[in-house]
Protein backbone atom coordinates (compact mmCIF):
# COMPACT_ATOMS: atom_id res chain seq x y z
CA MET A 1 11.68 -18.08 -20.38
CA ILE A 2 13.53 -19.43 -18.16
CA ARG A 3 17.36 -18.75 -18.02
CA GLY A 4 20.65 -18.03 -16.06
CA THR A 5 23.20 -19.48 -14.60
CA ALA A 6 24.79 -19.73 -11.35
CA ASN A 7 26.93 -17.48 -12.37
CA ASN A 8 24.23 -14.47 -11.78
CA LEU A 9 23.40 -16.30 -8.25
CA TYR A 10 24.93 -13.69 -5.15
CA LEU A 11 23.95 -12.68 -1.87
CA THR A 12 22.87 -9.34 -1.07
CA LEU A 13 21.73 -8.15 2.79
CA LEU A 14 18.34 -9.34 2.30
CA SER A 15 19.23 -12.20 1.28
CA VAL A 16 21.61 -13.49 4.18
CA THR A 17 18.99 -11.55 6.42
CA GLY A 18 16.99 -14.36 5.18
CA MET A 19 19.12 -17.07 5.80
CA ALA A 20 19.43 -15.84 9.43
CA LEU A 21 15.11 -14.95 9.91
CA ILE A 22 14.35 -18.89 8.58
CA THR A 23 17.38 -20.35 10.66
CA LEU A 24 16.21 -19.03 13.88
CA GLY A 25 12.35 -18.92 13.02
CA ALA A 26 13.10 -22.71 12.96
CA ALA A 27 15.60 -23.00 16.34
CA LEU A 28 12.71 -20.77 18.11
CA ARG A 29 10.35 -23.30 16.49
CA MET A 30 12.68 -26.38 17.83
CA ARG A 31 12.94 -24.72 21.55
CA CYS A 32 8.79 -24.43 21.61
CA TYR A 33 8.65 -28.34 21.29
CA GLN A 34 11.28 -29.18 23.82
CA ALA A 35 9.60 -26.78 26.14
CA MET A 36 5.95 -28.15 25.46
CA LYS A 37 7.32 -31.49 25.46
CA SER A 38 4.23 -34.01 24.74
CA PHE A 39 1.85 -30.79 25.74
CA PHE A 40 2.61 -29.43 21.92
CA THR A 41 0.27 -30.37 19.61
CA PHE A 42 -0.80 -29.11 15.93
CA ASP A 43 -4.34 -29.43 16.20
CA LEU A 44 -6.25 -27.51 19.01
CA SER A 45 -6.12 -28.91 22.69
CA ILE A 46 -5.24 -29.19 26.16
CA ARG A 47 -4.21 -32.98 27.34
CA GLU A 48 -6.11 -33.63 30.87
CA ASN A 49 -2.93 -33.57 32.59
CA HIS A 50 -1.73 -30.33 30.85
CA SER A 51 0.18 -27.87 32.88
CA LEU A 52 0.68 -24.53 31.88
CA VAL A 53 4.48 -23.77 30.50
CA ARG A 54 5.54 -20.31 31.26
CA THR A 55 9.26 -21.53 30.53
CA GLY A 56 11.81 -20.96 27.45
CA PRO A 57 10.41 -18.74 24.65
CA TYR A 58 7.14 -18.81 26.84
CA SER A 59 8.41 -16.47 28.99
CA VAL A 60 8.74 -14.45 26.58
CA VAL A 61 6.20 -13.97 24.26
CA ARG A 62 2.37 -16.71 24.56
CA HIS A 63 2.71 -17.75 21.16
CA PRO A 64 6.35 -18.36 20.08
CA SER A 65 5.92 -20.95 17.83
CA TYR A 66 4.13 -18.51 15.49
CA SER A 67 6.86 -16.01 16.12
CA GLY A 68 8.81 -18.90 14.80
CA MET A 69 6.77 -19.53 12.29
CA LEU A 70 6.04 -15.96 11.04
CA MET A 71 10.19 -15.13 11.42
CA VAL A 72 10.75 -18.31 8.63
CA TYR A 73 8.09 -17.07 5.66
CA ILE A 74 9.07 -13.84 6.18
CA GLY A 75 12.77 -15.08 6.36
CA MET A 76 11.96 -17.28 2.95
CA ALA A 77 10.04 -14.09 1.16
CA CYS A 78 13.46 -12.05 1.61
CA TRP A 79 15.95 -14.96 0.68
CA PHE A 80 14.32 -16.31 -2.74
CA GLY A 81 13.19 -12.99 -3.46
CA SER A 82 16.14 -11.01 -3.59
CA ARG A 83 18.02 -10.49 -6.34
CA GLY A 84 21.25 -12.83 -6.96
CA SER A 85 18.38 -15.71 -6.27
CA TRP A 86 17.72 -17.68 -8.41
CA ILE A 87 13.89 -17.02 -8.15
CA ARG A 88 14.63 -13.74 -9.50
CA GLU A 89 17.69 -14.44 -11.52
CA SER A 90 16.83 -17.47 -13.92
CA GLY A 91 13.37 -15.52 -14.60
CA VAL A 92 11.47 -18.11 -13.80
CA LEU A 93 9.02 -15.03 -12.23
CA GLY A 94 8.69 -14.22 -15.55
CA THR A 95 7.18 -17.38 -16.54
CA GLN A 96 3.16 -17.48 -16.41
CA GLY A 97 3.47 -20.60 -14.67
CA GLY A 98 6.25 -19.03 -11.81
CA LYS A 99 3.96 -15.65 -11.54
CA ARG A 100 0.75 -18.44 -10.81
CA PHE A 101 3.04 -20.03 -9.00
CA PHE A 102 4.68 -17.92 -6.67
CA GLY A 103 1.18 -15.59 -6.67
CA ILE A 104 -0.25 -18.85 -5.25
CA PHE A 105 2.69 -19.57 -2.53
CA GLY A 106 2.00 -15.76 -1.35
CA THR A 107 -1.90 -16.17 -1.11
CA VAL A 108 -1.32 -19.19 1.30
CA MET A 109 0.95 -18.04 3.18
CA GLY A 110 -0.64 -14.87 4.15
CA ALA A 111 -4.17 -16.98 5.04
CA ILE A 112 -2.55 -18.86 6.93
CA MET A 113 -0.80 -16.11 8.91
CA VAL A 114 -3.77 -14.42 8.48
CA GLY A 115 -5.36 -18.09 10.34
CA LEU A 116 -2.91 -18.52 12.97
CA LEU A 117 -3.31 -14.60 14.43
CA GLY A 118 -7.37 -15.89 14.77
CA ARG A 119 -5.85 -18.97 16.33
CA MET A 120 -4.17 -17.28 19.37
CA SER A 121 -7.20 -15.77 20.46
CA VAL A 122 -9.08 -18.68 20.21
CA GLU A 123 -6.24 -20.70 22.37
CA ASP A 124 -5.76 -18.17 24.52
CA GLU A 125 -9.53 -18.29 25.65
CA ALA A 126 -8.86 -21.87 25.88
CA LEU A 127 -5.93 -21.58 28.39
CA ARG A 128 -7.97 -19.16 30.15
CA ARG A 129 -11.07 -20.57 30.89
CA ARG A 130 -8.46 -23.79 31.76
CA PHE A 131 -6.10 -22.25 33.77
CA GLY A 132 -7.62 -19.88 35.61
CA ASP A 133 -6.51 -17.23 37.58
CA GLU A 134 -3.36 -19.24 36.52
CA TRP A 135 -3.39 -18.18 33.08
CA VAL A 136 -4.26 -14.51 33.67
CA GLU A 137 -1.05 -14.10 36.04
CA TYR A 138 0.52 -15.60 33.03
CA ALA A 139 -1.39 -13.14 30.71
CA HIS A 140 -0.34 -10.27 32.95
CA SER A 141 3.40 -10.96 33.64
CA VAL A 142 3.78 -12.50 29.84
CA PRO A 143 1.33 -8.76 27.98
CA TYR A 144 2.89 -10.09 24.18
CA SER A 145 1.49 -12.72 22.24
CA LEU A 146 3.24 -12.65 19.28
CA ILE A 147 6.18 -10.33 18.81
CA PRO A 148 7.58 -8.88 22.36
CA TRP A 149 7.23 -5.05 22.95
CA MET A 150 5.41 -4.90 20.09
CA TYR A 151 2.17 -7.40 19.64
């Protein structure tokens, strides 16, 4: 049963961390759009006049847009799943519909992230084929795909 009032809502360190991750992840994705300009697409494609972007967030990791997306997804889980959030305090997670919805939502978000991990290697290979030694040198100078100094 859904219950609760706004009085039950409060911020925690985890919820504030989640909000920060969402904000920073969205800002990172915006910087990626700005750095890539017309080369940024949601489908896997390399345009005829494509150039290898090495500036902005692409100077830190090779797939910063996916890093931003990961930050947003983790931030959502932290914010919405933390004590004091509406989702936790309302009782919606105790309902069958709430359990189904958030179970499906979590599964879809996980599947998207797993798919993006696979897509990164496909993108890297397409860029290597298109740019050859220039891409090899870029990949050597920017060795991390998603998380600086880790992965």
